Amino acid sequence: MLVAVVGGTLLSLARTYRSIAAEQAIESAAIAALDRLSREARNATSVDVGGSVLGTSPGQLSLNTKDPDGAPEVVQFFLEDKSLHVREAGVDQGSLTPAAARVTNLIFRTIATGKDRHDHRKRDQQRVSRAVVLRHIHITPLVHTMI
């Protein structure tokens, strides 16, 4: 009987360890993916609203950027097979999330970022800038309970 209790405890600990390790790997991957997305968004010249899928899942974000030589380029973030991918100049650069994870929800939305600070005197002509934000992303680990 003692052997069964110890065996059951060891199995439980092994499952818990794997679950925690998988969640830590997913968290690290999510941070790296969101870092890439935010870096590209900061460096973008504008958002291609027509080429983006906003307000619904699976969303797609298309950013107008420039390549290292200064030529115009489009960078897209999208889901493929429940994995977050990036496409640069029409070429899929691969997944930003590990194979042990799946993205089940990805939504981008537009927001107003405020008035143009350079035009304080002309109230009637103040502009409202638009930006796109990642509204929701849900990444879940693919954990197998078998040892």
N, C-alpha and C. Protein backbone atom coordinates (compact mmCIF):
# COMPACT_ATOMS: atom_id res chain seq x y z
N MET A 1 0.83 -1.18 0.00
CA MET A 1 0.00 0.00 0.00
C MET A 1 0.88 1.26 0.00
N LEU A 2 1.96 1.26 0.76
CA LEU A 2 2.86 2.40 0.80
C LEU A 2 3.49 2.65 -0.57
N VAL A 3 3.79 1.58 -1.28
CA VAL A 3 4.37 1.70 -2.62
C VAL A 3 3.38 2.39 -3.56
N ALA A 4 2.11 2.05 -3.46
CA ALA A 4 1.09 2.67 -4.31
C ALA A 4 0.96 4.16 -4.02
N VAL A 5 1.00 4.54 -2.75
CA VAL A 5 0.89 5.95 -2.37
C VAL A 5 2.10 6.73 -2.88
N VAL A 6 3.30 6.18 -2.69
CA VAL A 6 4.53 6.85 -3.15
C VAL A 6 4.52 6.93 -4.68
N GLY A 7 4.12 5.86 -5.34
CA GLY A 7 4.04 5.86 -6.81
C GLY A 7 3.06 6.90 -7.32
N GLY A 8 1.90 6.97 -6.69
CA GLY A 8 0.90 7.97 -7.09
C GLY A 8 1.40 9.39 -6.88
N THR A 9 2.09 9.61 -5.78
CA THR A 9 2.65 10.93 -5.48
C THR A 9 3.70 11.32 -6.52
N LEU A 10 4.57 10.38 -6.88
CA LEU A 10 5.60 10.65 -7.88
C LEU A 10 4.98 10.97 -9.24
N LEU A 11 3.95 10.23 -9.63
CA LEU A 11 3.27 10.52 -10.90
C LEU A 11 2.63 11.91 -10.88
N SER A 12 2.02 12.24 -9.76
CA SER A 12 1.40 13.56 -9.63
C SER A 12 2.45 14.67 -9.71
N LEU A 13 3.57 14.49 -9.05
CA LEU A 13 4.64 15.48 -9.09
C LEU A 13 5.20 15.62 -10.50
N ALA A 14 5.36 14.51 -11.21
CA ALA A 14 5.88 14.57 -12.58
C ALA A 14 4.93 15.33 -13.49
N ARG A 15 3.63 15.10 -13.36
CA ARG A 15 2.64 15.83 -14.17
C ARG A 15 2.66 17.32 -13.85
N THR A 16 2.73 17.64 -12.56
CA THR A 16 2.76 19.04 -12.14
C THR A 16 4.01 19.74 -12.67
N TYR A 17 5.15 19.07 -12.58
CA TYR A 17 6.39 19.65 -13.08
C TYR A 17 6.29 19.92 -14.57
N ARG A 18 5.81 18.95 -15.33
CA ARG A 18 5.69 19.14 -16.78
C ARG A 18 4.74 20.26 -17.11
N SER A 19 3.65 20.36 -16.39
CA SER A 19 2.68 21.42 -16.62
C SER A 19 3.30 22.79 -16.34
N ILE A 20 4.02 22.91 -15.25
CA ILE A 20 4.68 24.19 -14.91
C ILE A 20 5.75 24.52 -15.94
N ALA A 21 6.54 23.54 -16.34
CA ALA A 21 7.59 23.77 -17.34
C ALA A 21 6.98 24.21 -18.67
N ALA A 22 5.88 23.58 -19.07
CA ALA A 22 5.22 23.95 -20.32
C ALA A 22 4.67 25.37 -20.24
N GLU A 23 4.07 25.73 -19.12
CA GLU A 23 3.53 27.08 -18.97
C GLU A 23 4.63 28.12 -18.97
N GLN A 24 5.78 27.83 -18.38
CA GLN A 24 6.90 28.76 -18.40
C GLN A 24 7.44 28.93 -19.82
N ALA A 25 7.51 27.85 -20.57
CA ALA A 25 7.97 27.93 -21.95
C ALA A 25 7.01 28.76 -22.79
N ILE A 26 5.71 28.57 -22.57
CA ILE A 26 4.70 29.34 -23.31
C ILE A 26 4.80 30.81 -22.94
N GLU A 27 4.99 31.10 -21.66
CA GLU A 27 5.10 32.50 -21.23
C GLU A 27 6.32 33.16 -21.88
N SER A 28 7.43 32.49 -21.91
CA SER A 28 8.64 33.03 -22.54
C SER A 28 8.43 33.26 -24.03
N ALA A 29 7.78 32.31 -24.68
CA ALA A 29 7.52 32.44 -26.11
C ALA A 29 6.55 33.57 -26.39
N ALA A 30 5.55 33.72 -25.54
CA ALA A 30 4.58 34.80 -25.72
C ALA A 30 5.25 36.16 -25.56
N ILE A 31 6.13 36.27 -24.59
CA ILE A 31 6.86 37.54 -24.40
C ILE A 31 7.71 37.85 -25.62
N ALA A 32 8.41 36.86 -26.15
CA ALA A 32 9.24 37.08 -27.33
C ALA A 32 8.39 37.47 -28.55
N ALA A 33 7.25 36.79 -28.74
CA ALA A 33 6.38 37.09 -29.88
C ALA A 33 5.79 38.49 -29.76
N LEU A 34 5.34 38.85 -28.56
CA LEU A 34 4.76 40.19 -28.38
C LEU A 34 5.83 41.27 -28.47
N ASP A 35 7.06 40.96 -28.08
CA ASP A 35 8.16 41.90 -28.24
C ASP A 35 8.40 42.18 -29.72
N ARG A 36 8.40 41.13 -30.52
CA ARG A 36 8.60 41.30 -31.98
C ARG A 36 7.46 42.12 -32.57
N LEU A 37 6.25 41.81 -32.17
CA LEU A 37 5.08 42.53 -32.69
C LEU A 37 5.15 44.01 -32.30
N SER A 38 5.46 44.30 -31.05
CA SER A 38 5.51 45.70 -30.62
C SER A 38 6.68 46.44 -31.27
N ARG A 39 7.81 45.79 -31.47
CA ARG A 39 8.95 46.42 -32.14
C ARG A 39 8.60 46.78 -33.58
N GLU A 40 7.95 45.86 -34.28
CA GLU A 40 7.55 46.13 -35.66
C GLU A 40 6.51 47.26 -35.72
N ALA A 41 5.59 47.27 -34.76
CA ALA A 41 4.56 48.32 -34.74
C ALA A 41 5.18 49.68 -34.47
N ARG A 42 6.15 49.76 -33.57
CA ARG A 42 6.83 51.03 -33.29
C ARG A 42 7.58 51.55 -34.51
N ASN A 43 8.19 50.64 -35.26
CA ASN A 43 8.99 51.03 -36.42
C ASN A 43 8.17 51.23 -37.69
N ALA A 44 6.90 50.89 -37.65
CA ALA A 44 6.05 51.00 -38.84
C ALA A 44 5.78 52.46 -39.18
N THR A 45 5.63 52.72 -40.48
CA THR A 45 5.24 54.06 -40.91
C THR A 45 3.74 54.25 -40.81
N SER A 46 2.98 53.16 -40.97
CA SER A 46 1.53 53.22 -40.84
C SER A 46 0.96 51.81 -40.78
N VAL A 47 -0.33 51.74 -40.50
CA VAL A 47 -1.04 50.47 -40.48
C VAL A 47 -1.81 50.34 -41.78
N ASP A 48 -1.68 49.21 -42.44
CA ASP A 48 -2.46 48.94 -43.64
C ASP A 48 -3.81 48.39 -43.18
N VAL A 49 -4.76 49.29 -42.93
CA VAL A 49 -6.06 48.88 -42.40
C VAL A 49 -6.78 47.98 -43.39
N GLY A 50 -6.67 48.25 -44.68
CA GLY A 50 -7.31 47.43 -45.70
C GLY A 50 -6.75 46.02 -45.77
N GLY A 51 -5.47 45.86 -45.44
CA GLY A 51 -4.84 44.55 -45.46
C GLY A 51 -4.88 43.84 -44.13
N SER A 52 -5.48 44.49 -43.13
CA SER A 52 -5.57 43.91 -41.79
C SER A 52 -6.97 43.37 -41.55
N VAL A 53 -7.08 42.42 -40.65
CA VAL A 53 -8.37 41.90 -40.19
C VAL A 53 -8.49 42.33 -38.74
N LEU A 54 -9.41 43.29 -38.48
CA LEU A 54 -9.52 43.92 -37.17
C LEU A 54 -10.84 43.57 -36.51
N GLY A 55 -10.82 43.47 -35.19
CA GLY A 55 -12.03 43.30 -34.40
C GLY A 55 -12.60 41.90 -34.37
N THR A 56 -11.92 40.94 -34.95
CA THR A 56 -12.42 39.57 -34.96
C THR A 56 -11.23 38.61 -34.89
N SER A 57 -11.50 37.39 -34.50
CA SER A 57 -10.46 36.37 -34.46
C SER A 57 -10.74 35.32 -35.51
N PRO A 58 -9.76 34.87 -36.26
CA PRO A 58 -8.36 35.24 -36.14
C PRO A 58 -8.08 36.57 -36.85
N GLY A 59 -7.42 37.45 -36.13
CA GLY A 59 -7.07 38.74 -36.69
C GLY A 59 -5.79 38.67 -37.49
N GLN A 60 -5.58 39.73 -38.26
CA GLN A 60 -4.34 39.86 -39.01
C GLN A 60 -3.94 41.33 -38.97
N LEU A 61 -2.67 41.59 -38.73
CA LEU A 61 -2.17 42.96 -38.69
C LEU A 61 -1.16 43.14 -39.80
N SER A 62 -1.41 44.14 -40.66
CA SER A 62 -0.49 44.47 -41.74
C SER A 62 0.10 45.85 -41.47
N LEU A 63 1.42 45.90 -41.38
CA LEU A 63 2.12 47.15 -41.09
C LEU A 63 2.95 47.57 -42.28
N ASN A 64 2.86 48.85 -42.63
CA ASN A 64 3.71 49.41 -43.67
C ASN A 64 5.02 49.84 -43.02
N THR A 65 6.10 49.25 -43.48
CA THR A 65 7.42 49.51 -42.91
C THR A 65 8.40 49.78 -44.04
N LYS A 66 9.66 49.83 -43.68
CA LYS A 66 10.73 49.96 -44.68
C LYS A 66 11.77 48.88 -44.39
N ASP A 67 12.32 48.33 -45.46
CA ASP A 67 13.38 47.33 -45.29
C ASP A 67 14.68 48.05 -44.94
N PRO A 68 15.76 47.30 -44.66
CA PRO A 68 17.02 47.96 -44.28
C PRO A 68 17.56 48.95 -45.31
N ASP A 69 17.17 48.78 -46.58
CA ASP A 69 17.62 49.70 -47.62
C ASP A 69 16.70 50.91 -47.78
N GLY A 70 15.61 50.94 -47.01
CA GLY A 70 14.68 52.07 -47.07
C GLY A 70 13.53 51.89 -48.05
N ALA A 71 13.45 50.73 -48.68
CA ALA A 71 12.35 50.47 -49.62
C ALA A 71 11.09 50.08 -48.84
N PRO A 72 9.91 50.47 -49.34
CA PRO A 72 8.66 50.12 -48.66
C PRO A 72 8.48 48.60 -48.57
N GLU A 73 7.94 48.15 -47.45
CA GLU A 73 7.74 46.73 -47.21
C GLU A 73 6.53 46.57 -46.29
N VAL A 74 5.83 45.46 -46.43
CA VAL A 74 4.69 45.17 -45.56
C VAL A 74 5.06 43.99 -44.66
N VAL A 75 4.82 44.18 -43.35
CA VAL A 75 5.04 43.11 -42.37
C VAL A 75 3.66 42.73 -41.84
N GLN A 76 3.35 41.44 -41.88
CA GLN A 76 2.04 40.96 -41.43
C GLN A 76 2.19 39.96 -40.30
N PHE A 77 1.28 40.05 -39.33
CA PHE A 77 1.17 39.08 -38.26
C PHE A 77 -0.17 38.37 -38.43
N PHE A 78 -0.15 37.04 -38.41
CA PHE A 78 -1.37 36.28 -38.69
C PHE A 78 -1.28 34.90 -38.05
N LEU A 79 -2.43 34.23 -37.98
CA LEU A 79 -2.48 32.86 -37.46
C LEU A 79 -2.47 31.87 -38.60
N GLU A 80 -1.71 30.81 -38.42
CA GLU A 80 -1.73 29.69 -39.34
C GLU A 80 -1.58 28.43 -38.51
N ASP A 81 -2.54 27.54 -38.62
CA ASP A 81 -2.53 26.30 -37.84
C ASP A 81 -2.36 26.56 -36.34
N LYS A 82 -3.07 27.57 -35.83
CA LYS A 82 -3.07 27.94 -34.41
C LYS A 82 -1.68 28.36 -33.92
N SER A 83 -0.91 28.93 -34.82
CA SER A 83 0.42 29.42 -34.49
C SER A 83 0.55 30.84 -35.03
N LEU A 84 1.15 31.75 -34.25
CA LEU A 84 1.34 33.13 -34.67
C LEU A 84 2.54 33.21 -35.60
N HIS A 85 2.30 33.69 -36.82
CA HIS A 85 3.34 33.80 -37.84
C HIS A 85 3.59 35.25 -38.20
N VAL A 86 4.77 35.50 -38.78
CA VAL A 86 5.09 36.81 -39.32
C VAL A 86 5.50 36.63 -40.79
N ARG A 87 5.01 37.56 -41.62
CA ARG A 87 5.33 37.55 -43.05
C ARG A 87 5.97 38.89 -43.38
N GLU A 88 7.14 38.85 -44.00
CA GLU A 88 7.84 40.07 -44.42
C GLU A 88 7.95 40.08 -45.93
N ALA A 89 7.49 41.16 -46.54
CA ALA A 89 7.55 41.32 -48.00
C ALA A 89 6.95 40.10 -48.71
N GLY A 90 5.88 39.55 -48.16
CA GLY A 90 5.19 38.43 -48.79
C GLY A 90 5.77 37.06 -48.50
N VAL A 91 6.83 36.99 -47.72
CA VAL A 91 7.49 35.71 -47.42
C VAL A 91 7.25 35.36 -45.95
N ASP A 92 6.65 34.19 -45.71
CA ASP A 92 6.40 33.73 -44.35
C ASP A 92 7.74 33.44 -43.67
N GLN A 93 8.01 34.15 -42.57
CA GLN A 93 9.26 33.98 -41.85
C GLN A 93 9.16 32.88 -40.79
N GLY A 94 7.98 32.29 -40.65
CA GLY A 94 7.81 31.20 -39.71
C GLY A 94 7.02 31.60 -38.48
N SER A 95 6.91 30.66 -37.59
CA SER A 95 6.11 30.83 -36.39
C SER A 95 6.87 31.61 -35.33
N LEU A 96 6.14 32.46 -34.62
CA LEU A 96 6.69 33.18 -33.47
C LEU A 96 6.40 32.45 -32.17
N THR A 97 5.55 31.44 -32.24
CA THR A 97 5.20 30.66 -31.06
C THR A 97 5.72 29.23 -31.23
N PRO A 98 6.07 28.57 -30.13
CA PRO A 98 6.62 27.22 -30.23
C PRO A 98 5.57 26.19 -30.63
N ALA A 99 6.04 25.05 -31.10
CA ALA A 99 5.14 23.98 -31.51
C ALA A 99 4.32 23.45 -30.33
N ALA A 100 4.82 23.63 -29.11
CA ALA A 100 4.11 23.14 -27.93
C ALA A 100 3.01 24.09 -27.47
N ALA A 101 2.69 25.09 -28.29
CA ALA A 101 1.65 26.05 -27.92
C ALA A 101 0.69 26.22 -29.08
N ARG A 102 -0.51 26.68 -28.75
CA ARG A 102 -1.47 27.01 -29.79
C ARG A 102 -2.14 28.31 -29.42
N VAL A 103 -2.30 29.17 -30.41
CA VAL A 103 -2.97 30.45 -30.22
C VAL A 103 -4.43 30.22 -30.59
N THR A 104 -5.31 30.41 -29.63
CA THR A 104 -6.72 30.13 -29.88
C THR A 104 -7.54 31.38 -30.12
N ASN A 105 -6.95 32.56 -29.88
CA ASN A 105 -7.70 33.80 -30.08
C ASN A 105 -6.70 34.91 -30.35
N LEU A 106 -6.90 35.67 -31.43
CA LEU A 106 -6.01 36.77 -31.79
C LEU A 106 -6.87 37.88 -32.37
N ILE A 107 -6.96 39.01 -31.64
CA ILE A 107 -7.82 40.11 -32.07
C ILE A 107 -7.02 41.41 -32.04
N PHE A 108 -7.04 42.15 -33.14
CA PHE A 108 -6.45 43.49 -33.21
C PHE A 108 -7.60 44.48 -33.33
N ARG A 109 -7.48 45.65 -32.69
CA ARG A 109 -8.49 46.71 -32.76
C ARG A 109 -7.82 48.05 -33.01
N THR A 110 -8.57 48.97 -33.59
CA THR A 110 -8.06 50.33 -33.75
C THR A 110 -8.45 51.14 -32.52
N ILE A 111 -7.58 52.08 -32.18
CA ILE A 111 -7.87 53.00 -31.08
C ILE A 111 -7.46 54.40 -31.50
N ALA A 112 -8.08 55.40 -30.89
CA ALA A 112 -7.65 56.78 -31.07
C ALA A 112 -6.53 57.04 -30.08
N THR A 113 -5.41 57.58 -30.56
CA THR A 113 -4.26 57.78 -29.68
C THR A 113 -4.15 59.21 -29.16
N GLY A 114 -5.03 60.09 -29.58
CA GLY A 114 -5.00 61.46 -29.05
C GLY A 114 -4.92 62.50 -30.14
N LYS A 115 -4.89 63.73 -29.72
CA LYS A 115 -4.85 64.86 -30.65
C LYS A 115 -3.41 65.17 -31.03
N ASP A 116 -3.26 65.79 -32.18
CA ASP A 116 -1.95 66.21 -32.64
C ASP A 116 -1.45 67.33 -31.74
N ARG A 117 -0.34 67.12 -31.06
CA ARG A 117 0.17 68.10 -30.11
C ARG A 117 0.76 69.33 -30.79
N HIS A 118 1.03 69.27 -32.09
CA HIS A 118 1.64 70.39 -32.79
C HIS A 118 0.62 71.42 -33.25
N ASP A 119 -0.63 71.20 -32.98
CA ASP A 119 -1.68 72.07 -33.52
C ASP A 119 -2.60 72.53 -32.40
N HIS A 120 -2.05 73.09 -31.33
CA HIS A 120 -2.85 73.50 -30.18
C HIS A 120 -3.74 74.70 -30.48
N ARG A 121 -3.32 75.58 -31.37
CA ARG A 121 -4.07 76.82 -31.62
C ARG A 121 -5.26 76.62 -32.54
N LYS A 122 -5.29 75.59 -33.32
CA LYS A 122 -6.35 75.38 -34.31
C LYS A 122 -7.26 74.26 -33.84
N ARG A 123 -8.17 74.57 -32.95
CA ARG A 123 -9.01 73.53 -32.35
C ARG A 123 -9.87 72.81 -33.38
N ASP A 124 -10.36 73.52 -34.38
CA ASP A 124 -11.23 72.90 -35.37
C ASP A 124 -10.47 71.94 -36.28
N GLN A 125 -9.16 72.09 -36.35
CA GLN A 125 -8.39 71.28 -37.29
C GLN A 125 -7.55 70.21 -36.58
N GLN A 126 -7.78 70.02 -35.29
CA GLN A 126 -6.99 69.01 -34.58
C GLN A 126 -7.31 67.62 -35.10
N ARG A 127 -6.26 66.85 -35.28
CA ARG A 127 -6.41 65.49 -35.79
C ARG A 127 -6.43 64.49 -34.66
N VAL A 128 -7.09 63.40 -34.89
CA VAL A 128 -7.01 62.27 -33.97
C VAL A 128 -6.24 61.18 -34.69
N SER A 129 -5.12 60.80 -34.11
CA SER A 129 -4.31 59.74 -34.70
C SER A 129 -4.96 58.40 -34.43
N ARG A 130 -4.76 57.44 -35.32
CA ARG A 130 -5.30 56.10 -35.15
C ARG A 130 -4.14 55.12 -35.01
N ALA A 131 -4.36 54.13 -34.20
CA ALA A 131 -3.36 53.08 -34.01
C ALA A 131 -4.09 51.76 -33.90
N VAL A 132 -3.37 50.69 -34.09
CA VAL A 132 -3.94 49.35 -33.92
C VAL A 132 -3.25 48.71 -32.73
N VAL A 133 -4.04 48.11 -31.86
CA VAL A 133 -3.49 47.42 -30.70
C VAL A 133 -3.92 45.96 -30.72
N LEU A 134 -3.10 45.16 -30.12
CA LEU A 134 -3.45 43.76 -29.91
C LEU A 134 -4.43 43.74 -28.76
N ARG A 135 -5.66 43.41 -29.05
CA ARG A 135 -6.71 43.46 -28.04
C ARG A 135 -6.74 42.19 -27.20
N HIS A 136 -6.53 41.05 -27.83
CA HIS A 136 -6.63 39.80 -27.10
C HIS A 136 -5.81 38.73 -27.81
N ILE A 137 -5.01 38.04 -27.03
CA ILE A 137 -4.31 36.86 -27.54
C ILE A 137 -4.40 35.81 -26.44
N HIS A 138 -4.71 34.61 -26.82
CA HIS A 138 -4.82 33.51 -25.86
C HIS A 138 -3.95 32.38 -26.37
N ILE A 139 -2.93 32.05 -25.59
CA ILE A 139 -2.01 30.97 -25.94
C ILE A 139 -2.13 29.89 -24.89
N THR A 140 -2.32 28.67 -25.34
CA THR A 140 -2.44 27.55 -24.41
C THR A 140 -1.36 26.52 -24.70
N PRO A 141 -0.83 25.87 -23.66
CA PRO A 141 0.17 24.84 -23.87
C PRO A 141 -0.48 23.54 -24.32
N LEU A 142 0.25 22.78 -25.11
CA LEU A 142 -0.19 21.44 -25.47
C LEU A 142 0.56 20.49 -24.55
N VAL A 143 -0.08 20.14 -23.44
CA VAL A 143 0.55 19.28 -22.44
C VAL A 143 -0.09 17.91 -22.51
N HIS A 144 0.76 16.90 -22.62
CA HIS A 144 0.27 15.51 -22.61
C HIS A 144 0.33 15.00 -21.19
N THR A 145 -0.74 14.36 -20.75
CA THR A 145 -0.76 13.87 -19.36
C THR A 145 -0.12 12.50 -19.21
N MET A 146 0.26 11.89 -20.29
CA MET A 146 0.92 10.58 -20.21
C MET A 146 2.38 10.78 -19.87
N ILE A 147 2.94 9.89 -19.09
CA ILE A 147 4.38 9.97 -18.76
C ILE A 147 5.12 8.95 -19.57
